[in-house]
Amino acid sequence: MLCKEPETFSAIATSSIFRPHIQLNALYLAVLFTPTIAMAPFANSFGPQFRKLMLQAVHQTLERAGPAFIKWGQWAAARPDLFPRDLCIELAKLQAAAPEHKILHCNG
């Protein structure tokens, strides 16, 4: 019976974490979520119109971030016990009219 050598940390790190496309994807998500994260602390400070704008930004950011984030938004929309009701109402739009998933996302 052949024993397989355990993978070292360096082998695991170089095989996944340090690949350029993963780093670029992480950078893309950081840039994508920055405006929404920056708006969040002020959601209740500048009135209901600003909060509505922030909620729309959350919705659009999740759509642009991809299928996994859309799925998270759909889940969050179904949990008014965990999230504010107005956020759930905005994210419910992801359940009714989610953008089409392109097969290119699935091919490496």
PDB file of N, CA and C in Angstrom:
ATOM      1  N   MET A   1       0.840  -1.162   0.000  1.00  0.00           N
ATOM      2  CA  MET A   1       0.000   0.000   0.000  1.00  0.00           C
ATOM      3  C   MET A   1       0.898   1.243   0.000  1.00  0.00           C
ATOM      4  N   LEU A   2       0.597   2.163  -0.888  1.00  0.00           N
ATOM      5  CA  LEU A   2       1.379   3.383  -1.001  1.00  0.00           C
ATOM      6  C   LEU A   2       0.839   4.441  -0.059  1.00  0.00           C
ATOM      7  N   CYS A   3       1.753   5.096   0.631  1.00  0.00           N
ATOM      8  CA  CYS A   3       1.366   6.190   1.522  1.00  0.00           C
ATOM      9  C   CYS A   3       1.615   7.502   0.808  1.00  0.00           C
ATOM     10  N   LYS A   4       0.693   8.361   0.928  1.00  0.00           N
ATOM     11  CA  LYS A   4       0.816   9.672   0.317  1.00  0.00           C
ATOM     12  C   LYS A   4       1.468  10.619   1.320  1.00  0.00           C
ATOM     13  N   GLU A   5       2.446  11.382   0.866  1.00  0.00           N
ATOM     14  CA  GLU A   5       3.107  12.339   1.742  1.00  0.00           C
ATOM     15  C   GLU A   5       2.143  13.455   2.097  1.00  0.00           C
ATOM     16  N   PRO A   6       2.117  13.853   3.374  1.00  0.00           N
ATOM     17  CA  PRO A   6       1.240  14.973   3.731  1.00  0.00           C
ATOM     18  C   PRO A   6       1.743  16.261   3.091  1.00  0.00           C
ATOM     19  N   GLU A   7       0.802  17.087   2.690  1.00  0.00           N
ATOM     20  CA  GLU A   7       1.180  18.348   2.060  1.00  0.00           C
ATOM     21  C   GLU A   7       1.702  19.309   3.115  1.00  0.00           C
ATOM     22  N   THR A   8       2.757  19.977   2.790  1.00  0.00           N
ATOM     23  CA  THR A   8       3.308  20.972   3.700  1.00  0.00           C
ATOM     24  C   THR A   8       2.546  22.274   3.535  1.00  0.00           C
ATOM     25  N   PHE A   9       2.712  23.139   4.506  1.00  0.00           N
ATOM     26  CA  PHE A   9       2.039  24.434   4.439  1.00  0.00           C
ATOM     27  C   PHE A   9       2.467  25.214   3.202  1.00  0.00           C
ATOM     28  N   SER A  10       3.746  25.157   2.888  1.00  0.00           N
ATOM     29  CA  SER A  10       4.224  25.919   1.731  1.00  0.00           C
ATOM     30  C   SER A  10       3.629  25.388   0.430  1.00  0.00           C
ATOM     31  N   ALA A  11       3.431  24.078   0.343  1.00  0.00           N
ATOM     32  CA  ALA A  11       2.819  23.512  -0.860  1.00  0.00           C
ATOM     33  C   ALA A  11       1.371  23.955  -0.994  1.00  0.00           C
ATOM     34  N   ILE A  12       0.671  23.984   0.124  1.00  0.00           N
ATOM     35  CA  ILE A  12      -0.731  24.416   0.108  1.00  0.00           C
ATOM     36  C   ILE A  12      -0.806  25.905  -0.229  1.00  0.00           C
ATOM     37  N   ALA A  13       0.054  26.699   0.385  1.00  0.00           N
ATOM     38  CA  ALA A  13       0.031  28.147   0.163  1.00  0.00           C
ATOM     39  C   ALA A  13       0.345  28.491  -1.288  1.00  0.00           C
ATOM     40  N   THR A  14       1.343  27.863  -1.851  1.00  0.00           N
ATOM     41  CA  THR A  14       1.698  28.190  -3.235  1.00  0.00           C
ATOM     42  C   THR A  14       0.697  27.621  -4.223  1.00  0.00           C
ATOM     43  N   SER A  15      -0.051  26.614  -3.817  1.00  0.00           N
ATOM     44  CA  SER A  15      -1.000  26.028  -4.751  1.00  0.00           C
ATOM     45  C   SER A  15      -2.298  26.814  -4.849  1.00  0.00           C
ATOM     46  N   SER A  16      -2.646  27.594  -3.833  1.00  0.00           N
ATOM     47  CA  SER A  16      -3.929  28.281  -3.909  1.00  0.00           C
ATOM     48  C   SER A  16      -3.865  29.758  -3.540  1.00  0.00           C
ATOM     49  N   ILE A  17      -3.347  30.083  -2.409  1.00  0.00           N
ATOM     50  CA  ILE A  17      -3.447  31.450  -1.900  1.00  0.00           C
ATOM     51  C   ILE A  17      -2.657  32.441  -2.737  1.00  0.00           C
ATOM     52  N   PHE A  18      -1.512  32.047  -3.230  1.00  0.00           N
ATOM     53  CA  PHE A  18      -0.638  33.001  -3.884  1.00  0.00           C
ATOM     54  C   PHE A  18      -0.742  32.996  -5.409  1.00  0.00           C
ATOM     55  N   ARG A  19      -1.749  32.394  -5.930  1.00  0.00           N
ATOM     56  CA  ARG A  19      -1.959  32.460  -7.371  1.00  0.00           C
ATOM     57  C   ARG A  19      -2.466  33.847  -7.731  1.00  0.00           C
ATOM     58  N   PRO A  20      -1.982  34.403  -8.827  1.00  0.00           N
ATOM     59  CA  PRO A  20      -2.358  35.787  -9.186  1.00  0.00           C
ATOM     60  C   PRO A  20      -3.860  36.004  -9.346  1.00  0.00           C
ATOM     61  N   HIS A  21      -4.584  35.046  -9.932  1.00  0.00           N
ATOM     62  CA  HIS A  21      -6.013  35.287 -10.147  1.00  0.00           C
ATOM     63  C   HIS A  21      -6.784  35.341  -8.832  1.00  0.00           C
ATOM     64  N   ILE A  22      -6.316  34.636  -7.819  1.00  0.00           N
ATOM     65  CA  ILE A  22      -6.980  34.703  -6.516  1.00  0.00           C
ATOM     66  C   ILE A  22      -6.700  36.053  -5.871  1.00  0.00           C
ATOM     67  N   GLN A  23      -5.481  36.527  -5.991  1.00  0.00           N
ATOM     68  CA  GLN A  23      -5.142  37.838  -5.448  1.00  0.00           C
ATOM     69  C   GLN A  23      -5.917  38.944  -6.163  1.00  0.00           C
ATOM     70  N   LEU A  24      -6.038  38.840  -7.474  1.00  0.00           N
ATOM     71  CA  LEU A  24      -6.789  39.847  -8.226  1.00  0.00           C
ATOM     72  C   LEU A  24      -8.268  39.823  -7.855  1.00  0.00           C
ATOM     73  N   ASN A  25      -8.813  38.634  -7.648  1.00  0.00           N
ATOM     74  CA  ASN A  25     -10.214  38.524  -7.255  1.00  0.00           C
ATOM     75  C   ASN A  25     -10.428  39.142  -5.870  1.00  0.00           C
ATOM     76  N   ALA A  26      -9.506  38.892  -4.949  1.00  0.00           N
ATOM     77  CA  ALA A  26      -9.607  39.487  -3.611  1.00  0.00           C
ATOM     78  C   ALA A  26      -9.527  41.009  -3.694  1.00  0.00           C
ATOM     79  N   LEU A  27      -8.641  41.516  -4.520  1.00  0.00           N
ATOM     80  CA  LEU A  27      -8.520  42.963  -4.706  1.00  0.00           C
ATOM     81  C   LEU A  27      -9.796  43.538  -5.311  1.00  0.00           C
ATOM     82  N   TYR A  28     -10.357  42.855  -6.312  1.00  0.00           N
ATOM     83  CA  TYR A  28     -11.602  43.291  -6.946  1.00  0.00           C
ATOM     84  C   TYR A  28     -12.732  43.374  -5.911  1.00  0.00           C
ATOM     85  N   LEU A  29     -12.858  42.342  -5.064  1.00  0.00           N
ATOM     86  CA  LEU A  29     -13.914  42.350  -4.052  1.00  0.00           C
ATOM     87  C   LEU A  29     -13.689  43.455  -3.025  1.00  0.00           C
ATOM     88  N   ALA A  30     -12.435  43.700  -2.658  1.00  0.00           N
ATOM     89  CA  ALA A  30     -12.143  44.772  -1.705  1.00  0.00           C
ATOM     90  C   ALA A  30     -12.551  46.126  -2.277  1.00  0.00           C
ATOM     91  N   VAL A  31     -12.210  46.372  -3.533  1.00  0.00           N
ATOM     92  CA  VAL A  31     -12.579  47.633  -4.183  1.00  0.00           C
ATOM     93  C   VAL A  31     -14.097  47.725  -4.339  1.00  0.00           C
ATOM     94  N   LEU A  32     -14.720  46.619  -4.692  1.00  0.00           N
ATOM     95  CA  LEU A  32     -16.161  46.591  -4.909  1.00  0.00           C
ATOM     96  C   LEU A  32     -16.942  46.901  -3.632  1.00  0.00           C
ATOM     97  N   PHE A  33     -16.513  46.326  -2.510  1.00  0.00           N
ATOM     98  CA  PHE A  33     -17.253  46.494  -1.256  1.00  0.00           C
ATOM     99  C   PHE A  33     -16.889  47.762  -0.493  1.00  0.00           C
ATOM    100  N   THR A  34     -15.804  48.434  -0.852  1.00  0.00           N
ATOM    101  CA  THR A  34     -15.359  49.615  -0.105  1.00  0.00           C
ATOM    102  C   THR A  34     -16.415  50.715  -0.008  1.00  0.00           C
ATOM    103  N   PRO A  35     -17.078  51.120  -1.090  1.00  0.00           N
ATOM    104  CA  PRO A  35     -18.088  52.194  -0.942  1.00  0.00           C
ATOM    105  C   PRO A  35     -19.233  51.814  -0.004  1.00  0.00           C
ATOM    106  N   THR A  36     -19.691  50.587  -0.087  1.00  0.00           N
ATOM    107  CA  THR A  36     -20.791  50.143   0.769  1.00  0.00           C
ATOM    108  C   THR A  36     -20.354  50.111   2.227  1.00  0.00           C
ATOM    109  N   ILE A  37     -19.159  49.618   2.473  1.00  0.00           N
ATOM    110  CA  ILE A  37     -18.652  49.567   3.845  1.00  0.00           C
ATOM    111  C   ILE A  37     -18.455  50.979   4.384  1.00  0.00           C
ATOM    112  N   ALA A  38     -17.992  51.883   3.531  1.00  0.00           N
ATOM    113  CA  ALA A  38     -17.785  53.270   3.959  1.00  0.00           C
ATOM    114  C   ALA A  38     -19.115  53.967   4.263  1.00  0.00           C
ATOM    115  N   MET A  39     -20.180  53.601   3.568  1.00  0.00           N
ATOM    116  CA  MET A  39     -21.490  54.223   3.784  1.00  0.00           C
ATOM    117  C   MET A  39     -22.186  53.689   5.039  1.00  0.00           C
ATOM    118  N   ALA A  40     -21.909  52.458   5.419  1.00  0.00           N
ATOM    119  CA  ALA A  40     -22.650  51.783   6.488  1.00  0.00           C
ATOM    120  C   ALA A  40     -22.687  52.540   7.820  1.00  0.00           C
ATOM    121  N   PRO A  41     -21.575  53.087   8.306  1.00  0.00           N
ATOM    122  CA  PRO A  41     -21.657  53.779   9.607  1.00  0.00           C
ATOM    123  C   PRO A  41     -22.568  55.008   9.598  1.00  0.00           C
ATOM    124  N   PHE A  42     -22.835  55.553   8.428  1.00  0.00           N
ATOM    125  CA  PHE A  42     -23.639  56.764   8.319  1.00  0.00           C
ATOM    126  C   PHE A  42     -25.074  56.482   7.873  1.00  0.00           C
ATOM    127  N   ALA A  43     -25.450  55.213   7.831  1.00  0.00           N
ATOM    128  CA  ALA A  43     -26.758  54.822   7.298  1.00  0.00           C
ATOM    129  C   ALA A  43     -27.913  55.503   8.010  1.00  0.00           C
ATOM    130  N   ASN A  44     -27.791  55.701   9.309  1.00  0.00           N
ATOM    131  CA  ASN A  44     -28.886  56.312  10.069  1.00  0.00           C
ATOM    132  C   ASN A  44     -28.643  57.787  10.365  1.00  0.00           C
ATOM    133  N   SER A  45     -27.497  58.308   9.983  1.00  0.00           N
ATOM    134  CA  SER A  45     -27.129  59.683  10.336  1.00  0.00           C
ATOM    135  C   SER A  45     -27.681  60.732   9.379  1.00  0.00           C
ATOM    136  N   PHE A  46     -27.834  60.391   8.120  1.00  0.00           N
ATOM    137  CA  PHE A  46     -28.186  61.388   7.107  1.00  0.00           C
ATOM    138  C   PHE A  46     -29.614  61.256   6.595  1.00  0.00           C
ATOM    139  N   GLY A  47     -30.461  60.597   7.336  1.00  0.00           N
ATOM    140  CA  GLY A  47     -31.866  60.515   6.970  1.00  0.00           C
ATOM    141  C   GLY A  47     -32.233  59.276   6.169  1.00  0.00           C
ATOM    142  N   PRO A  48     -33.528  59.111   5.951  1.00  0.00           N
ATOM    143  CA  PRO A  48     -34.019  57.899   5.292  1.00  0.00           C
ATOM    144  C   PRO A  48     -33.600  57.768   3.820  1.00  0.00           C
ATOM    145  N   GLN A  49     -33.425  58.889   3.132  1.00  0.00           N
ATOM    146  CA  GLN A  49     -33.010  58.804   1.727  1.00  0.00           C
ATOM    147  C   GLN A  49     -31.597  58.232   1.602  1.00  0.00           C
ATOM    148  N   PHE A  50     -30.707  58.640   2.517  1.00  0.00           N
ATOM    149  CA  PHE A  50     -29.344  58.116   2.492  1.00  0.00           C
ATOM    150  C   PHE A  50     -29.352  56.626   2.816  1.00  0.00           C
ATOM    151  N   ARG A  51     -30.182  56.224   3.783  1.00  0.00           N
ATOM    152  CA  ARG A  51     -30.267  54.794   4.128  1.00  0.00           C
ATOM    153  C   ARG A  51     -30.773  53.992   2.935  1.00  0.00           C
ATOM    154  N   LYS A  52     -31.770  54.514   2.244  1.00  0.00           N
ATOM    155  CA  LYS A  52     -32.292  53.835   1.060  1.00  0.00           C
ATOM    156  C   LYS A  52     -31.207  53.710  -0.007  1.00  0.00           C
ATOM    157  N   LEU A  53     -30.427  54.763  -0.203  1.00  0.00           N
ATOM    158  CA  LEU A  53     -29.318  54.735  -1.149  1.00  0.00           C
ATOM    159  C   LEU A  53     -28.283  53.683  -0.747  1.00  0.00           C
ATOM    160  N   MET A  54     -27.981  53.606   0.550  1.00  0.00           N
ATOM    161  CA  MET A  54     -27.028  52.624   1.045  1.00  0.00           C
ATOM    162  C   MET A  54     -27.539  51.195   0.834  1.00  0.00           C
ATOM    163  N   LEU A  55     -28.819  50.971   1.065  1.00  0.00           N
ATOM    164  CA  LEU A  55     -29.397  49.640   0.862  1.00  0.00           C
ATOM    165  C   LEU A  55     -29.360  49.245  -0.612  1.00  0.00           C
ATOM    166  N   GLN A  56     -29.618  50.195  -1.496  1.00  0.00           N
ATOM    167  CA  GLN A  56     -29.505  49.916  -2.925  1.00  0.00           C
ATOM    168  C   GLN A  56     -28.067  49.611  -3.311  1.00  0.00           C
ATOM    169  N   ALA A  57     -27.125  50.286  -2.674  1.00  0.00           N
ATOM    170  CA  ALA A  57     -25.705  50.014  -2.933  1.00  0.00           C
ATOM    171  C   ALA A  57     -25.333  48.604  -2.484  1.00  0.00           C
ATOM    172  N   VAL A  58     -25.879  48.165  -1.356  1.00  0.00           N
ATOM    173  CA  VAL A  58     -25.634  46.789  -0.891  1.00  0.00           C
ATOM    174  C   VAL A  58     -26.151  45.799  -1.928  1.00  0.00           C
ATOM    175  N   HIS A  59     -27.369  46.020  -2.389  1.00  0.00           N
ATOM    176  CA  HIS A  59     -27.988  45.145  -3.395  1.00  0.00           C
ATOM    177  C   HIS A  59     -27.128  45.073  -4.658  1.00  0.00           C
ATOM    178  N   GLN A  60     -26.759  46.217  -5.183  1.00  0.00           N
ATOM    179  CA  GLN A  60     -25.969  46.255  -6.419  1.00  0.00           C
ATOM    180  C   GLN A  60     -24.582  45.657  -6.228  1.00  0.00           C
ATOM    181  N   THR A  61     -23.993  45.870  -5.060  1.00  0.00           N
ATOM    182  CA  THR A  61     -22.669  45.310  -4.786  1.00  0.00           C
ATOM    183  C   THR A  61     -22.731  43.792  -4.754  1.00  0.00           C
ATOM    184  N   LEU A  62     -23.747  43.243  -4.124  1.00  0.00           N
ATOM    185  CA  LEU A  62     -23.882  41.779  -4.085  1.00  0.00           C
ATOM    186  C   LEU A  62     -24.095  41.214  -5.484  1.00  0.00           C
ATOM    187  N   GLU A  63     -24.864  41.907  -6.311  1.00  0.00           N
ATOM    188  CA  GLU A  63     -25.061  41.450  -7.693  1.00  0.00           C
ATOM    189  C   GLU A  63     -23.739  41.424  -8.455  1.00  0.00           C
ATOM    190  N   ARG A  64     -22.955  42.472  -8.296  1.00  0.00           N
ATOM    191  CA  ARG A  64     -21.681  42.560  -9.019  1.00  0.00           C
ATOM    192  C   ARG A  64     -20.639  41.583  -8.478  1.00  0.00           C
ATOM    193  N   ALA A  65     -20.752  41.227  -7.202  1.00  0.00           N
ATOM    194  CA  ALA A  65     -19.752  40.365  -6.576  1.00  0.00           C
ATOM    195  C   ALA A  65     -19.848  38.921  -7.059  1.00  0.00           C
ATOM    196  N   GLY A  66     -20.997  38.513  -7.559  1.00  0.00           N
ATOM    197  CA  GLY A  66     -21.093  37.174  -8.132  1.00  0.00           C
ATOM    198  C   GLY A  66     -22.126  36.281  -7.473  1.00  0.00           C
ATOM    199  N   PRO A  67     -22.241  35.067  -7.991  1.00  0.00           N
ATOM    200  CA  PRO A  67     -23.296  34.149  -7.570  1.00  0.00           C
ATOM    201  C   PRO A  67     -23.293  33.795  -6.080  1.00  0.00           C
ATOM    202  N   ALA A  68     -22.143  33.613  -5.479  1.00  0.00           N
ATOM    203  CA  ALA A  68     -22.102  33.261  -4.057  1.00  0.00           C
ATOM    204  C   ALA A  68     -22.637  34.406  -3.196  1.00  0.00           C
ATOM    205  N   PHE A  69     -22.338  35.625  -3.577  1.00  0.00           N
ATOM    206  CA  PHE A  69     -22.818  36.785  -2.826  1.00  0.00           C
ATOM    207  C   PHE A  69     -24.305  37.012  -3.069  1.00  0.00           C
ATOM    208  N   ILE A  70     -24.777  36.717  -4.266  1.00  0.00           N
ATOM    209  CA  ILE A  70     -26.211  36.793  -4.543  1.00  0.00           C
ATOM    210  C   ILE A  70     -26.950  35.788  -3.674  1.00  0.00           C
ATOM    211  N   LYS A  71     -26.412  34.588  -3.573  1.00  0.00           N
ATOM    212  CA  LYS A  71     -27.026  33.550  -2.740  1.00  0.00           C
ATOM    213  C   LYS A  71     -27.063  33.991  -1.280  1.00  0.00           C
ATOM    214  N   TRP A  72     -25.971  34.631  -0.808  1.00  0.00           N
ATOM    215  CA  TRP A  72     -25.968  35.138   0.554  1.00  0.00           C
ATOM    216  C   TRP A  72     -27.057  36.193   0.728  1.00  0.00           C
ATOM    217  N   GLY A  73     -27.212  37.079  -0.248  1.00  0.00           N
ATOM    218  CA  GLY A  73     -28.248  38.104  -0.180  1.00  0.00           C
ATOM    219  C   GLY A  73     -29.645  37.495  -0.159  1.00  0.00           C
ATOM    220  N   GLN A  74     -29.850  36.443  -0.930  1.00  0.00           N
ATOM    221  CA  GLN A  74     -31.148  35.764  -0.926  1.00  0.00           C
ATOM    222  C   GLN A  74     -31.428  35.148   0.443  1.00  0.00           C
ATOM    223  N   TRP A  75     -30.398  34.565   1.032  1.00  0.00           N
ATOM    224  CA  TRP A  75     -30.553  33.988   2.366  1.00  0.00           C
ATOM    225  C   TRP A  75     -30.860  35.083   3.387  1.00  0.00           C
ATOM    226  N   ALA A  76     -30.114  36.183   3.323  1.00  0.00           N
ATOM    227  CA  ALA A  76     -30.308  37.274   4.277  1.00  0.00           C
ATOM    228  C   ALA A  76     -31.704  37.878   4.153  1.00  0.00           C
ATOM    229  N   ALA A  77     -32.229  37.913   2.934  1.00  0.00           N
ATOM    230  CA  ALA A  77     -33.575  38.458   2.718  1.00  0.00           C
ATOM    231  C   ALA A  77     -34.635  37.640   3.448  1.00  0.00           C
ATOM    232  N   ALA A  78     -34.366  36.366   3.639  1.00  0.00           N
ATOM    233  CA  ALA A  78     -35.323  35.481   4.299  1.00  0.00           C
ATOM    234  C   ALA A  78     -35.156  35.464   5.822  1.00  0.00           C
ATOM    235  N   ARG A  79     -34.268  36.308   6.348  1.00  0.00           N
ATOM    236  CA  ARG A  79     -33.988  36.293   7.789  1.00  0.00           C
ATOM    237  C   ARG A  79     -34.235  37.655   8.449  1.00  0.00           C
ATOM    238  N   PRO A  80     -35.498  38.114   8.477  1.00  0.00           N
ATOM    239  CA  PRO A  80     -35.775  39.400   9.136  1.00  0.00           C
ATOM    240  C   PRO A  80     -35.554  39.344  10.648  1.00  0.00           C
ATOM    241  N   ASP A  81     -35.375  38.140  11.197  1.00  0.00           N
ATOM    242  CA  ASP A  81     -35.056  38.031  12.614  1.00  0.00           C
ATOM    243  C   ASP A  81     -33.591  38.390  12.893  1.00  0.00           C
ATOM    244  N   LEU A  82     -32.744  38.368  11.851  1.00  0.00           N
ATOM    245  CA  LEU A  82     -31.325  38.683  12.011  1.00  0.00           C
ATOM    246  C   LEU A  82     -30.921  40.031  11.429  1.00  0.00           C
ATOM    247  N   PHE A  83     -31.630  40.469  10.397  1.00  0.00           N
ATOM    248  CA  PHE A  83     -31.250  41.683   9.674  1.00  0.00           C
ATOM    249  C   PHE A  83     -32.402  42.679   9.693  1.00  0.00           C
ATOM    250  N   PRO A  84     -32.086  43.971   9.542  1.00  0.00           N
ATOM    251  CA  PRO A  84     -33.158  44.982   9.521  1.00  0.00           C
ATOM    252  C   PRO A  84     -34.163  44.711   8.399  1.00  0.00           C
ATOM    253  N   ARG A  85     -35.407  44.992   8.688  1.00  0.00           N
ATOM    254  CA  ARG A  85     -36.481  44.699   7.741  1.00  0.00           C
ATOM    255  C   ARG A  85     -36.283  45.396   6.399  1.00  0.00           C
ATOM    256  N   ASP A  86     -35.830  46.660   6.418  1.00  0.00           N
ATOM    257  CA  ASP A  86     -35.645  47.365   5.147  1.00  0.00           C
ATOM    258  C   ASP A  86     -34.532  46.730   4.307  1.00  0.00           C
ATOM    259  N   LEU A  87     -33.503  46.187   4.962  1.00  0.00           N
ATOM    260  CA  LEU A  87     -32.461  45.463   4.224  1.00  0.00           C
ATOM    261  C   LEU A  87     -33.039  44.193   3.620  1.00  0.00           C
ATOM    262  N   CYS A  88     -33.860  43.486   4.375  1.00  0.00           N
ATOM    263  CA  CYS A  88     -34.481  42.253   3.867  1.00  0.00           C
ATOM    264  C   CYS A  88     -35.381  42.540   2.674  1.00  0.00           C
ATOM    265  N   ILE A  89     -36.108  43.639   2.729  1.00  0.00           N
ATOM    266  CA  ILE A  89     -36.983  44.009   1.611  1.00  0.00           C
ATOM    267  C   ILE A  89     -36.157  44.301   0.365  1.00  0.00           C
ATOM    268  N   GLU A  90     -35.052  45.025   0.529  1.00  0.00           N
ATOM    269  CA  GLU A  90     -34.193  45.341  -0.623  1.00  0.00           C
ATOM    270  C   GLU A  90     -33.539  44.078  -1.180  1.00  0.00           C
ATOM    271  N   LEU A  91     -33.066  43.212  -0.302  1.00  0.00           N
ATOM    272  CA  LEU A  91     -32.397  41.989  -0.764  1.00  0.00           C
ATOM    273  C   LEU A  91     -33.380  40.969  -1.333  1.00  0.00           C
ATOM    274  N   ALA A  92     -34.656  41.095  -0.990  1.00  0.00           N
ATOM    275  CA  ALA A  92     -35.662  40.196  -1.558  1.00  0.00           C
ATOM    276  C   ALA A  92     -35.750  40.356  -3.071  1.00  0.00           C
ATOM    277  N   LYS A  93     -35.309  41.503  -3.572  1.00  0.00           N
ATOM    278  CA  LYS A  93     -35.289  41.706  -5.021  1.00  0.00           C
ATOM    279  C   LYS A  93     -34.327  40.735  -5.699  1.00  0.00           C
ATOM    280  N   LEU A  94     -33.340  40.251  -4.952  1.00  0.00           N
ATOM    281  CA  LEU A  94     -32.416  39.253  -5.500  1.00  0.00           C
ATOM    282  C   LEU A  94     -33.101  37.903  -5.680  1.00  0.00           C
ATOM    283  N   GLN A  95     -34.162  37.658  -4.920  1.00  0.00           N
ATOM    284  CA  GLN A  95     -34.905  36.403  -5.068  1.00  0.00           C
ATOM    285  C   GLN A  95     -35.824  36.455  -6.281  1.00  0.00           C
ATOM    286  N   ALA A  96     -36.428  37.605  -6.485  1.00  0.00           N
ATOM    287  CA  ALA A  96     -37.395  37.738  -7.570  1.00  0.00           C
ATOM    288  C   ALA A  96     -36.728  37.959  -8.927  1.00  0.00           C
ATOM    289  N   ALA A  97     -35.617  38.670  -8.941  1.00  0.00           N
ATOM    290  CA  ALA A  97     -34.996  39.025 -10.224  1.00  0.00           C
ATOM    291  C   ALA A  97     -33.477  38.981 -10.117  1.00  0.00           C
ATOM    292  N   ALA A  98     -32.950  37.815  -9.845  1.00  0.00           N
ATOM    293  CA  ALA A  98     -31.491  37.678  -9.775  1.00  0.00           C
ATOM    294  C   ALA A  98     -30.918  37.720 -11.187  1.00  0.00           C
ATOM    295  N   PRO A  99     -29.736  38.316 -11.341  1.00  0.00           N
ATOM    296  CA  PRO A  99     -29.125  38.343 -12.663  1.00  0.00           C
ATOM    297  C   PRO A  99     -28.750  36.939 -13.129  1.00  0.00           C
ATOM    298  N   GLU A 100     -28.712  36.774 -14.422  1.00  0.00           N
ATOM    299  CA  GLU A 100     -28.387  35.466 -15.003  1.00  0.00           C
ATOM    300  C   GLU A 100     -26.950  35.093 -14.669  1.00  0.00           C
ATOM    301  N   HIS A 101     -26.767  33.842 -14.314  1.00  0.00           N
ATOM    302  CA  HIS A 101     -25.431  33.328 -13.999  1.00  0.00           C
ATOM    303  C   HIS A 101     -24.757  32.863 -15.269  1.00  0.00           C
ATOM    304  N   LYS A 102     -23.630  33.442 -15.590  1.00  0.00           N
ATOM    305  CA  LYS A 102     -22.925  33.071 -16.806  1.00  0.00           C
ATOM    306  C   LYS A 102     -22.065  31.834 -16.583  1.00  0.00           C
ATOM    307  N   ILE A 103     -22.047  30.946 -17.525  1.00  0.00           N
ATOM    308  CA  ILE A 103     -21.287  29.717 -17.417  1.00  0.00           C
ATOM    309  C   ILE A 103     -19.786  29.992 -17.313  1.00  0.00           C
ATOM    310  N   LEU A 104     -19.355  31.154 -17.772  1.00  0.00           N
ATOM    311  CA  LEU A 104     -17.928  31.507 -17.681  1.00  0.00           C
ATOM    312  C   LEU A 104     -17.444  31.544 -16.237  1.00  0.00           C
ATOM    313  N   HIS A 105     -18.349  31.814 -15.283  1.00  0.00           N
ATOM    314  CA  HIS A 105     -17.971  31.814 -13.862  1.00  0.00           C
ATOM    315  C   HIS A 105     -17.584  30.413 -13.407  1.00  0.00           C
ATOM    316  N   CYS A 106     -18.120  29.407 -14.067  1.00  0.00           N
ATOM    317  CA  CYS A 106     -17.883  28.032 -13.645  1.00  0.00           C
ATOM    318  C   CYS A 106     -16.600  27.457 -14.234  1.00  0.00           C
ATOM    319  N   ASN A 107     -16.197  27.941 -15.371  1.00  0.00           N
ATOM    320  CA  ASN A 107     -14.997  27.414 -16.016  1.00  0.00           C
ATOM    321  C   ASN A 107     -13.777  28.122 -15.484  1.00  0.00           C
ATOM    322  N   GLY A 108     -12.801  27.336 -15.017  1.00  0.00           N
ATOM    323  CA  GLY A 108     -11.606  27.895 -14.413  1.00  0.00           C
ATOM    324  C   GLY A 108     -10.771  28.544 -15.410  1.00  0.00           C
TER     325      GLY A 108
END
